[in-house]
């Protein structure tokens, strides 16, 4: 029995600690799900911001229309519509693309970039031509209801909301 007690025993040793890398499949799934959730939240916020621009533009247009119906001030209407259309264009397109446009290029931009079939040709050859020079004239003969109708059609027909656009 003495010989059994003299056997050299090794001390208890623990296994190596578990490494954090490579990740287990469950952690990969959680990471991908988290990234997809963040991307979805950003996309939804961007779309809602675009929707807010369209709704705000329509409410502003309604106020301008109501003010024109009360005062019949065509000069004020043309100036306000010009500013409103410019603000909407700056919300949809980059500043370098839309801010410096004047004259025929401005009307062409309204028809081609953000226009729809209902406004084709009505800015360049119709009542929309008043937006070029009428804000700077003392008096001019402009068909206010036709201009209001054109701008209302343009706002209602803005292109579908794009996620990758500016903002």
Protein backbone atom coordinates (compact mmCIF):
# COMPACT_ATOMS: atom_id res chain seq x y z
CA UNK A 1 0.00 0.00 0.00
CA UNK A 2 2.88 2.32 0.54
CA UNK A 3 3.68 2.17 -3.10
CA UNK A 4 0.25 3.35 -4.17
CA UNK A 5 0.62 6.46 -2.11
CA UNK A 6 3.92 7.35 -3.68
CA UNK A 7 2.56 7.70 -7.26
CA UNK A 8 3.16 11.24 -8.41
CA UNK A 9 -0.20 12.82 -9.35
CA UNK A 10 -0.48 15.85 -11.51
CA UNK A 11 -2.45 18.80 -10.29
CA UNK A 12 -5.92 19.50 -11.77
CA UNK A 13 -5.68 21.76 -14.78
CA UNK A 14 -8.53 23.68 -16.47
CA UNK A 15 -9.23 23.63 -20.20
CA UNK A 16 -8.20 26.59 -22.33
CA UNK A 17 -10.64 29.53 -22.14
CA UNK A 18 -13.25 29.70 -24.90
CA UNK A 19 -12.30 32.17 -27.63
CA UNK A 20 -14.79 34.82 -28.73
CA UNK A 21 -13.69 34.35 -32.33
CA UNK A 22 -15.05 32.86 -34.54
CA UNK A 23 -18.54 33.81 -33.55
CA UNK A 24 -21.20 31.20 -33.15
CA UNK A 25 -23.95 31.14 -35.85
CA UNK A 26 -26.48 32.65 -33.46
CA UNK A 27 -24.31 35.73 -32.94
CA UNK A 28 -23.90 36.12 -36.72
CA UNK A 29 -27.69 35.97 -37.12
CA UNK A 30 -28.13 38.59 -34.39
CA UNK A 31 -25.54 40.86 -35.99
CA UNK A 32 -27.17 40.63 -39.43
CA UNK A 33 -30.63 41.18 -37.96
CA UNK A 34 -29.37 44.26 -36.10
CA UNK A 35 -27.83 45.73 -39.25
CA UNK A 36 -30.99 45.07 -41.26
CA UNK A 37 -33.10 46.71 -38.57
CA UNK A 38 -30.90 49.81 -38.54
CA UNK A 39 -31.02 50.03 -42.36
CA UNK A 40 -34.81 49.67 -42.36
CA UNK A 41 -35.18 52.42 -39.76
CA UNK A 42 -33.01 54.77 -41.84
CA UNK A 43 -34.97 54.02 -45.00
CA UNK A 44 -38.30 54.60 -43.27
CA UNK A 45 -37.10 57.90 -41.83
CA UNK A 46 -35.92 59.05 -45.26
CA UNK A 47 -39.23 58.13 -46.92
CA UNK A 48 -41.21 59.88 -44.21
CA UNK A 49 -39.09 63.00 -44.64
CA UNK A 50 -39.90 62.97 -48.36
CA UNK A 51 -43.57 62.50 -47.59
CA UNK A 52 -43.45 65.45 -45.19
CA UNK A 53 -42.02 67.62 -47.96
CA UNK A 54 -44.86 66.70 -50.30
CA UNK A 55 -47.55 67.25 -47.67
CA UNK A 56 -46.03 70.55 -46.57
CA UNK A 57 -45.82 71.71 -50.19
CA UNK A 58 -49.48 70.86 -50.74
CA UNK A 59 -50.60 72.71 -47.61
CA UNK A 60 -48.53 75.74 -48.61
CA UNK A 61 -50.10 75.61 -52.07
CA UNK A 62 -53.57 75.49 -50.52
CA UNK A 63 -52.77 78.59 -48.43
CA UNK A 64 -51.51 80.42 -51.51
CA UNK A 65 -54.62 79.46 -53.43
CA UNK A 66 -56.90 80.65 -50.63
CA UNK A 67 -54.99 83.93 -50.33
CA UNK A 68 -55.26 84.51 -54.09
CA UNK A 69 -58.99 83.81 -54.05
CA UNK A 70 -59.41 86.48 -51.38
CA UNK A 71 -57.07 89.19 -52.65
CA UNK A 72 -56.82 88.45 -56.41
CA UNK A 73 -53.25 89.83 -56.25
CA UNK A 74 -51.62 88.14 -59.22
CA UNK A 75 -48.15 89.57 -58.57
CA UNK A 76 -48.07 88.16 -55.06
CA UNK A 77 -49.36 84.82 -56.33
CA UNK A 78 -46.67 84.48 -59.00
CA UNK A 79 -43.90 85.40 -56.56
CA UNK A 80 -45.16 82.99 -53.91
CA UNK A 81 -45.63 80.14 -56.40
CA UNK A 82 -42.15 80.69 -57.77
CA UNK A 83 -40.67 80.48 -54.27
CA UNK A 84 -42.74 77.41 -53.41
CA UNK A 85 -41.73 75.52 -56.56
CA UNK A 86 -38.09 76.40 -55.99
CA UNK A 87 -38.23 75.15 -52.39
CA UNK A 88 -39.83 71.87 -53.46
CA UNK A 89 -37.20 71.39 -56.17
CA UNK A 90 -34.42 71.98 -53.65
CA UNK A 91 -35.94 69.30 -51.44
CA UNK A 92 -36.03 66.76 -54.26
CA UNK A 93 -32.82 67.58 -56.13
CA UNK A 94 -29.36 68.72 -55.10
CA UNK A 95 -28.58 72.40 -54.77
CA UNK A 96 -26.09 72.29 -57.60
CA UNK A 97 -28.72 70.80 -59.87
CA UNK A 98 -31.67 73.09 -59.13
CA UNK A 99 -30.66 76.25 -57.27
CA UNK A 100 -29.04 78.23 -60.07
CA UNK A 101 -31.61 77.49 -62.77
CA UNK A 102 -33.32 80.48 -64.35
CA UNK A 103 -35.36 81.22 -67.44
CA UNK A 104 -36.01 78.47 -69.94
CA UNK A 105 -33.74 76.03 -68.08
CA UNK A 106 -35.88 76.48 -64.94
CA UNK A 107 -39.09 75.72 -66.84
CA UNK A 108 -37.44 72.76 -68.57
CA UNK A 109 -36.36 71.41 -65.18
CA UNK A 110 -39.91 71.72 -63.83
CA UNK A 111 -41.28 69.78 -66.78
CA UNK A 112 -38.66 67.10 -67.28
CA UNK A 113 -37.04 66.32 -63.93
CA UNK A 114 -40.01 66.53 -61.60
CA UNK A 115 -42.88 66.97 -63.99
CA UNK A 116 -45.47 64.44 -65.06
CA UNK A 117 -47.65 63.93 -68.12
CA UNK A 118 -50.27 66.39 -66.90
CA UNK A 119 -47.81 69.31 -66.97
CA UNK A 120 -45.81 68.50 -70.12
CA UNK A 121 -45.60 71.63 -72.23
CA UNK A 122 -47.68 73.74 -69.86
CA UNK A 123 -44.68 75.41 -68.21
CA UNK A 124 -42.80 76.28 -71.40
CA UNK A 125 -45.76 77.10 -73.64
CA UNK A 126 -48.64 77.60 -71.23
CA UNK A 127 -49.38 79.61 -68.11
CA UNK A 128 -46.11 78.49 -66.50
CA UNK A 129 -44.15 80.96 -68.62
CA UNK A 130 -45.31 83.62 -66.18
CA UNK A 131 -42.86 82.22 -63.61
CA UNK A 132 -39.92 83.51 -65.66
CA UNK A 133 -40.67 87.21 -65.87
CA UNK A 134 -43.88 88.06 -64.02
CA UNK A 135 -42.32 88.25 -60.53
CA UNK A 136 -40.09 91.07 -61.83
CA UNK A 137 -42.67 93.11 -63.74
CA UNK A 138 -44.83 95.83 -62.30
CA UNK A 139 -47.97 94.56 -63.97
CA UNK A 140 -48.77 91.78 -66.36
CA UNK A 141 -51.75 89.93 -67.71
CA UNK A 142 -51.58 86.43 -66.24
CA UNK A 143 -54.29 83.82 -65.96
CA UNK A 144 -54.13 83.20 -62.20
CA UNK A 145 -56.51 80.22 -62.04
CA UNK A 146 -54.66 78.48 -64.90
CA UNK A 147 -51.31 79.04 -63.17
CA UNK A 148 -52.75 77.72 -59.91
CA UNK A 149 -54.12 74.68 -61.70
CA UNK A 150 -50.75 74.01 -63.34
CA UNK A 151 -48.79 74.31 -60.09
CA UNK A 152 -51.35 72.17 -58.25
CA UNK A 153 -51.06 69.46 -60.91
CA UNK A 154 -47.27 69.66 -60.67
CA UNK A 155 -47.26 69.25 -56.87
CA UNK A 156 -49.76 66.40 -56.96
CA UNK A 157 -47.79 64.64 -59.67
CA UNK A 158 -44.37 64.76 -58.07
CA UNK A 159 -42.45 61.56 -58.79
CA UNK A 160 -42.55 58.61 -56.40
CA UNK A 161 -40.51 58.99 -53.29
CA UNK A 162 -36.96 57.81 -53.83
CA UNK A 163 -34.90 56.54 -50.95
CA UNK A 164 -31.52 57.32 -52.44
CA UNK A 165 -32.25 60.96 -53.18
CA UNK A 166 -30.71 63.90 -51.43
CA UNK A 167 -31.21 64.24 -47.65
